[in-house]
Amino acid sequence: MEVATEVTIAASSATIWQILADAERYPQWNPYIRVLDGKLAPGESIRFRFAFLWSITVPATARVLQVDVEQELNWAGHFLWERLFRAEHYHRLEALADRSMRLHHGERFSGVLAILLRPFLRAWAPGRYRAVNLALKQRAEAQTSKEQP
């Protein structure tokens, strides 16, 4: 199962990437990730807490799979073992003709629990990802407007 969202951002890939690659500052702008510790580099382990329901946060760990500067950032984590529940989170940047960028942002879920949780994930996840997209868009565009004369 996959949750896929996208948003157009009137900012450069460098500006968006600077925000995405700064793990320490995720809690400042990302309404979903409350804490993110670790280095966003291939093979590195990251630890984070994400907002689940109401004021409940859930701890998680993941391994960074791919980091292509100004293009793509992916990580994946699992619950107990991968065949039980695996989640691969991705951010891909696509250049548009008008010098803005399209962010493709989502997650692929697999494993036995993903099948059982499909109705919940379909209802819960898309709004979360759209909220993150909007927060990233606002931060990147605000930063861009400060940089322009």
C-alpha atoms as a PDB file:
ATOM      1  CA  MET A   1       0.000   0.000   0.000  1.00  0.00           C
ATOM      2  CA  GLU A   2       1.254   3.489  -0.802  1.00  0.00           C
ATOM      3  CA  VAL A   3       0.286   6.954   0.349  1.00  0.00           C
ATOM      4  CA  ALA A   4       1.443   9.425  -2.307  1.00  0.00           C
ATOM      5  CA  THR A   5       1.080  13.205  -2.174  1.00  0.00           C
ATOM      6  CA  GLU A   6       2.619  16.110  -4.016  1.00  0.00           C
ATOM      7  CA  VAL A   7       2.851  19.859  -3.749  1.00  0.00           C
ATOM      8  CA  THR A   8       4.290  22.611  -5.945  1.00  0.00           C
ATOM      9  CA  ILE A   9       6.722  24.886  -4.139  1.00  0.00           C
ATOM     10  CA  ALA A  10       7.869  28.265  -5.475  1.00  0.00           C
ATOM     11  CA  ALA A  11      11.451  27.801  -4.309  1.00  0.00           C
ATOM     12  CA  SER A  12      14.680  26.352  -5.624  1.00  0.00           C
ATOM     13  CA  SER A  13      15.724  22.766  -5.085  1.00  0.00           C
ATOM     14  CA  ALA A  14      18.613  24.098  -2.985  1.00  0.00           C
ATOM     15  CA  THR A  15      16.242  25.928  -0.620  1.00  0.00           C
ATOM     16  CA  ILE A  16      13.911  22.955  -0.251  1.00  0.00           C
ATOM     17  CA  TRP A  17      16.822  20.563   0.174  1.00  0.00           C
ATOM     18  CA  GLN A  18      18.372  22.731   2.867  1.00  0.00           C
ATOM     19  CA  ILE A  19      15.174  22.320   4.885  1.00  0.00           C
ATOM     20  CA  LEU A  20      14.754  18.589   4.191  1.00  0.00           C
ATOM     21  CA  ALA A  21      18.383  17.756   4.971  1.00  0.00           C
ATOM     22  CA  ASP A  22      18.446  19.583   8.338  1.00  0.00           C
ATOM     23  CA  ALA A  23      17.335  16.799  10.689  1.00  0.00           C
ATOM     24  CA  GLU A  24      17.780  18.894  13.811  1.00  0.00           C
ATOM     25  CA  ARG A  25      15.222  21.488  12.685  1.00  0.00           C
ATOM     26  CA  TYR A  26      12.395  19.147  11.620  1.00  0.00           C
ATOM     27  CA  PRO A  27      10.405  19.851  14.816  1.00  0.00           C
ATOM     28  CA  GLN A  28      10.465  23.589  13.979  1.00  0.00           C
ATOM     29  CA  TRP A  29       8.432  23.158  10.816  1.00  0.00           C
ATOM     30  CA  ASN A  30       7.181  19.569  10.489  1.00  0.00           C
ATOM     31  CA  PRO A  31       3.827  19.057  12.255  1.00  0.00           C
ATOM     32  CA  TYR A  32       4.295  15.289  12.176  1.00  0.00           C
ATOM     33  CA  ILE A  33       7.873  14.692  13.347  1.00  0.00           C
ATOM     34  CA  ARG A  34       8.428  15.972  16.888  1.00  0.00           C
ATOM     35  CA  VAL A  35      12.064  14.813  17.199  1.00  0.00           C
ATOM     36  CA  LEU A  36      14.545  13.607  14.594  1.00  0.00           C
ATOM     37  CA  ASP A  37      18.013  12.488  15.693  1.00  0.00           C
ATOM     38  CA  GLY A  38      20.724  11.150  13.468  1.00  0.00           C
ATOM     39  CA  LYS A  39      22.528  11.935  10.276  1.00  0.00           C
ATOM     40  CA  LEU A  40      20.557  11.942   7.017  1.00  0.00           C
ATOM     41  CA  ALA A  41      23.180   9.995   5.066  1.00  0.00           C
ATOM     42  CA  PRO A  42      22.917   6.620   3.284  1.00  0.00           C
ATOM     43  CA  GLY A  43      23.184   3.694   5.675  1.00  0.00           C
ATOM     44  CA  GLU A  44      22.804   5.844   8.789  1.00  0.00           C
ATOM     45  CA  SER A  45      20.259   5.071  11.460  1.00  0.00           C
ATOM     46  CA  ILE A  46      17.839   7.800  12.513  1.00  0.00           C
ATOM     47  CA  ARG A  47      15.553   7.959  15.527  1.00  0.00           C
ATOM     48  CA  PHE A  48      12.403  10.030  15.622  1.00  0.00           C
ATOM     49  CA  ARG A  49       9.109  10.578  17.391  1.00  0.00           C
ATOM     50  CA  PHE A  50       6.038  11.205  15.290  1.00  0.00           C
ATOM     51  CA  ALA A  51       2.612  12.525  16.165  1.00  0.00           C
ATOM     52  CA  PHE A  52       0.154   9.670  16.031  1.00  0.00           C
ATOM     53  CA  LEU A  53      -3.247  10.525  17.488  1.00  0.00           C
ATOM     54  CA  TRP A  54      -4.209  13.474  19.650  1.00  0.00           C
ATOM     55  CA  SER A  55      -1.131  14.212  21.796  1.00  0.00           C
ATOM     56  CA  ILE A  56       0.316  10.707  21.508  1.00  0.00           C
ATOM     57  CA  THR A  57       3.780  10.487  19.983  1.00  0.00           C
ATOM     58  CA  VAL A  58       5.374   7.233  18.881  1.00  0.00           C
ATOM     59  CA  PRO A  59       9.110   6.491  18.843  1.00  0.00           C
ATOM     60  CA  ALA A  60      10.573   4.926  15.713  1.00  0.00           C
ATOM     61  CA  THR A  61      13.884   4.133  14.089  1.00  0.00           C
ATOM     62  CA  ALA A  62      14.747   3.936  10.433  1.00  0.00           C
ATOM     63  CA  ARG A  63      17.696   3.462   8.121  1.00  0.00           C
ATOM     64  CA  VAL A  64      18.455   6.138   5.542  1.00  0.00           C
ATOM     65  CA  LEU A  65      18.313   4.435   2.156  1.00  0.00           C
ATOM     66  CA  GLN A  66      18.984   7.173  -0.367  1.00  0.00           C
ATOM     67  CA  VAL A  67      20.285  10.727  -0.336  1.00  0.00           C
ATOM     68  CA  ASP A  68      20.657  12.416  -3.716  1.00  0.00           C
ATOM     69  CA  VAL A  69      21.331  16.069  -2.938  1.00  0.00           C
ATOM     70  CA  GLU A  70      18.547  18.358  -4.151  1.00  0.00           C
ATOM     71  CA  GLN A  71      16.728  15.348  -5.644  1.00  0.00           C
ATOM     72  CA  GLU A  72      15.714  12.544  -3.284  1.00  0.00           C
ATOM     73  CA  LEU A  73      15.682  11.528   0.376  1.00  0.00           C
ATOM     74  CA  ASN A  74      14.354   8.111   1.479  1.00  0.00           C
ATOM     75  CA  TRP A  75      14.369   6.160   4.715  1.00  0.00           C
ATOM     76  CA  ALA A  76      12.731   2.938   5.880  1.00  0.00           C
ATOM     77  CA  GLY A  77      11.841   1.448   9.213  1.00  0.00           C
ATOM     78  CA  HIS A  78      10.007  -1.593  10.457  1.00  0.00           C
ATOM     79  CA  PHE A  79       8.112  -2.842  13.473  1.00  0.00           C
ATOM     80  CA  LEU A  80       9.730  -5.944  15.027  1.00  0.00           C
ATOM     81  CA  TRP A  81      10.623  -7.471  11.648  1.00  0.00           C
ATOM     82  CA  GLU A  82      10.106  -6.320   8.072  1.00  0.00           C
ATOM     83  CA  ARG A  83       7.572  -8.995   7.157  1.00  0.00           C
ATOM     84  CA  LEU A  84       5.364  -7.833   9.987  1.00  0.00           C
ATOM     85  CA  PHE A  85       5.385  -4.108   9.127  1.00  0.00           C
ATOM     86  CA  ARG A  86       7.720  -2.011   6.966  1.00  0.00           C
ATOM     87  CA  ALA A  87       7.386   1.641   5.992  1.00  0.00           C
ATOM     88  CA  GLU A  88       9.542   3.341   3.361  1.00  0.00           C
ATOM     89  CA  HIS A  89       9.240   7.118   3.446  1.00  0.00           C
ATOM     90  CA  TYR A  90      10.277   9.181   0.418  1.00  0.00           C
ATOM     91  CA  HIS A  91      10.746  12.782  -0.706  1.00  0.00           C
ATOM     92  CA  ARG A  92      11.499  13.413  -4.403  1.00  0.00           C
ATOM     93  CA  LEU A  93      12.007  16.809  -6.011  1.00  0.00           C
ATOM     94  CA  GLU A  94      11.049  17.463  -9.624  1.00  0.00           C
ATOM     95  CA  ALA A  95      12.001  20.698 -11.421  1.00  0.00           C
ATOM     96  CA  LEU A  96       9.144  22.475 -13.184  1.00  0.00           C
ATOM     97  CA  ALA A  97       9.333  24.801 -16.197  1.00  0.00           C
ATOM     98  CA  ASP A  98       8.465  27.896 -14.140  1.00  0.00           C
ATOM     99  CA  ARG A  99      11.542  27.433 -11.902  1.00  0.00           C
ATOM    100  CA  SER A 100       9.473  26.028  -9.061  1.00  0.00           C
ATOM    101  CA  MET A 101       9.695  22.491  -7.745  1.00  0.00           C
ATOM    102  CA  ARG A 102       7.209  19.695  -7.252  1.00  0.00           C
ATOM    103  CA  LEU A 103       7.699  17.619  -4.128  1.00  0.00           C
ATOM    104  CA  HIS A 104       6.548  14.001  -4.360  1.00  0.00           C
ATOM    105  CA  HIS A 105       6.146  12.873  -0.769  1.00  0.00           C
ATOM    106  CA  GLY A 106       4.802   9.625   0.545  1.00  0.00           C
ATOM    107  CA  GLU A 107       5.307   6.251   2.084  1.00  0.00           C
ATOM    108  CA  ARG A 108       5.058   2.627   0.986  1.00  0.00           C
ATOM    109  CA  PHE A 109       3.743   0.240   3.622  1.00  0.00           C
ATOM    110  CA  SER A 110       4.180  -3.526   3.480  1.00  0.00           C
ATOM    111  CA  GLY A 111       3.873  -6.560   5.714  1.00  0.00           C
ATOM    112  CA  VAL A 112       1.069  -8.372   7.478  1.00  0.00           C
ATOM    113  CA  LEU A 113       0.167  -5.420   9.718  1.00  0.00           C
ATOM    114  CA  ALA A 114       0.069  -3.066   6.729  1.00  0.00           C
ATOM    115  CA  ILE A 115      -2.616  -5.271   5.195  1.00  0.00           C
ATOM    116  CA  LEU A 116      -4.610  -5.297   8.420  1.00  0.00           C
ATOM    117  CA  LEU A 117      -4.133  -1.548   8.968  1.00  0.00           C
ATOM    118  CA  ARG A 118      -4.906  -0.543   5.363  1.00  0.00           C
ATOM    119  CA  PRO A 119      -8.286   1.100   6.144  1.00  0.00           C
ATOM    120  CA  PHE A 120      -6.762   3.067   9.021  1.00  0.00           C
ATOM    121  CA  LEU A 121      -3.689   4.101   7.003  1.00  0.00           C
ATOM    122  CA  ARG A 122      -5.822   5.198   4.045  1.00  0.00           C
ATOM    123  CA  ALA A 123      -7.917   7.394   6.340  1.00  0.00           C
ATOM    124  CA  TRP A 124      -5.164   8.709   8.605  1.00  0.00           C
ATOM    125  CA  ALA A 125      -2.002   9.140   6.524  1.00  0.00           C
ATOM    126  CA  PRO A 126      -2.946  11.377   3.535  1.00  0.00           C
ATOM    127  CA  GLY A 127      -3.925  14.329   5.734  1.00  0.00           C
ATOM    128  CA  ARG A 128      -0.686  14.021   7.668  1.00  0.00           C
ATOM    129  CA  TYR A 129       1.412  14.083   4.509  1.00  0.00           C
ATOM    130  CA  ARG A 130      -0.517  17.039   3.066  1.00  0.00           C
ATOM    131  CA  ALA A 131       0.055  18.945   6.335  1.00  0.00           C
ATOM    132  CA  VAL A 132       3.803  18.266   6.100  1.00  0.00           C
ATOM    133  CA  ASN A 133       3.799  19.346   2.438  1.00  0.00           C
ATOM    134  CA  LEU A 134       2.062  22.623   3.303  1.00  0.00           C
ATOM    135  CA  ALA A 135       4.466  23.304   6.177  1.00  0.00           C
ATOM    136  CA  LEU A 136       7.496  22.668   3.948  1.00  0.00           C
ATOM    137  CA  LYS A 137       6.013  24.833   1.180  1.00  0.00           C
ATOM    138  CA  GLN A 138       5.379  27.725   3.585  1.00  0.00           C
ATOM    139  CA  ARG A 139       8.871  27.505   5.092  1.00  0.00           C
ATOM    140  CA  ALA A 140      10.653  27.265   1.718  1.00  0.00           C
ATOM    141  CA  GLU A 141       8.627  30.064   0.112  1.00  0.00           C
ATOM    142  CA  ALA A 142       9.093  32.326   3.144  1.00  0.00           C
ATOM    143  CA  GLN A 143      12.832  31.698   3.031  1.00  0.00           C
ATOM    144  CA  THR A 144      12.844  32.423  -0.721  1.00  0.00           C
ATOM    145  CA  SER A 145      10.986  35.712  -0.287  1.00  0.00           C
ATOM    146  CA  LYS A 146      13.554  36.825   2.347  1.00  0.00           C
ATOM    147  CA  GLU A 147      16.407  36.064  -0.078  1.00  0.00           C
ATOM    148  CA  GLN A 148      14.906  38.029  -2.973  1.00  0.00           C
ATOM    149  CA  PRO A 149      15.570  41.793  -3.151  1.00  0.00           C
END
